[in-house]
Amino acid sequence: MREVVQRGLYYDELEQGVVYRHRPGRTLTEADDVLFSTLTMNHQALHLDAAWAATQPFGQRLVNSMMTLSTLVGLSVGQVTQGTIVANLGFREVEFPRPLFHGDTLYAETEVVEKRLSASRPGQGVVTLEHRGYDQRGQLVARAVRTALFWTRAAHEESTAASGASGTSEASGSAESSSRPAAADHAVAAAEHVSGSRAAAEHVSGSRILPDSGDNRMFGGGLVERGEPAEPVEPSEPAESAESAEGARPSERSAAASSSAPATADHAVAAAEHVPGSRNEPDSGDNRMFGAEPAEPAEPAAAAEPVEPGRNRGDGPVLRGVDEEGAW
């Protein structure tokens, strides 16, 4: 299948004295001008301050001339320099005979002024271009002469082919050398995924560790070999008698059982005591929460004093607009 790639013109395709007209044009809006000016830190009031610009000779804001120049050159890229230029060497004779205003459309054309092969860079040539910009009324609004370094077609195709062959060999060598480490990384990632799932399972079971489980491994705690009994923790309060435990309510028995579990890590203690300890009854005898001391029973709240209808709760005057029942 034959392919055609969009590009500009090579040195040997450019003809001196030929004018290349570029389409489409570009309508320059207020948003374009404000964005370009602020991006380039150009806070000139002629571009940004509509009220002030209205008092100036043109009576309105002007399009930033640097944006006009950039757009003028940009309009020529697709037809003249896309993929065929080596470097832009410089500008000269830049001028703006008339201003552009928001909403104006810029059209561009490029003339090849002169060309010569480079004496120091084989396969490349120096070309002088003149860009001219016109508004929608056909008036010249910008002109710039610049010099650029172009590829010859044969030299560019040879350079591209050499670069492609070198890139292919480097890519294949890199892929071969990195295939084994990549496989190893994949295996490590898979192992970590499995062990991470196991750690998640232990995180759930670890919050309800039994004295004889032999496994008190937690995320932040030290590792204990399986089968090794966990060290018991001194209870913070005297344990209740077996008779009282037998006669206790289910919630109380859960609290007693959780308080006797080994404290393998703060996280395990918090998880074990969170459910039963957060709903301690006044007479459960267990109000221990996350290592805090037993809390004193709260005193009963004082009854609120009755408020006369139509009065504030303080000693202020009667509220206007309040009826006998105290409603607004």
Foldseek 3Di string as FASTA:
>chain_A
DDDDDQFADFQVRADAFDKAWFDDWAQAALVNQVVVCVVVVNPDCLNPPQVVVCPDPVNGRFRDVVVVVVRQVVRCGRHHGGPWFDWWDDKPDKDFPDTHDHGKIKTKMKGWNDKDQDPVDPQKIKTKMKMWIATPVRHTGIIMITITIGGHPVVVVVVVVVVVVVVVVVVVVVCVVCVVVVVVVVVVVVVVVVVVVVLVVCQVVLLVDAQQQQFNDHPPADGGDRRDGDDWDDQPDDQDDPVVLVVDDPLLVLQSRLSRGGCRDLSSNQSSCVVSLVDDDPPSPDNDHSNDDDDDDDDDDDDQDDDQFQPDSDPDDGDPPTDRNNDD
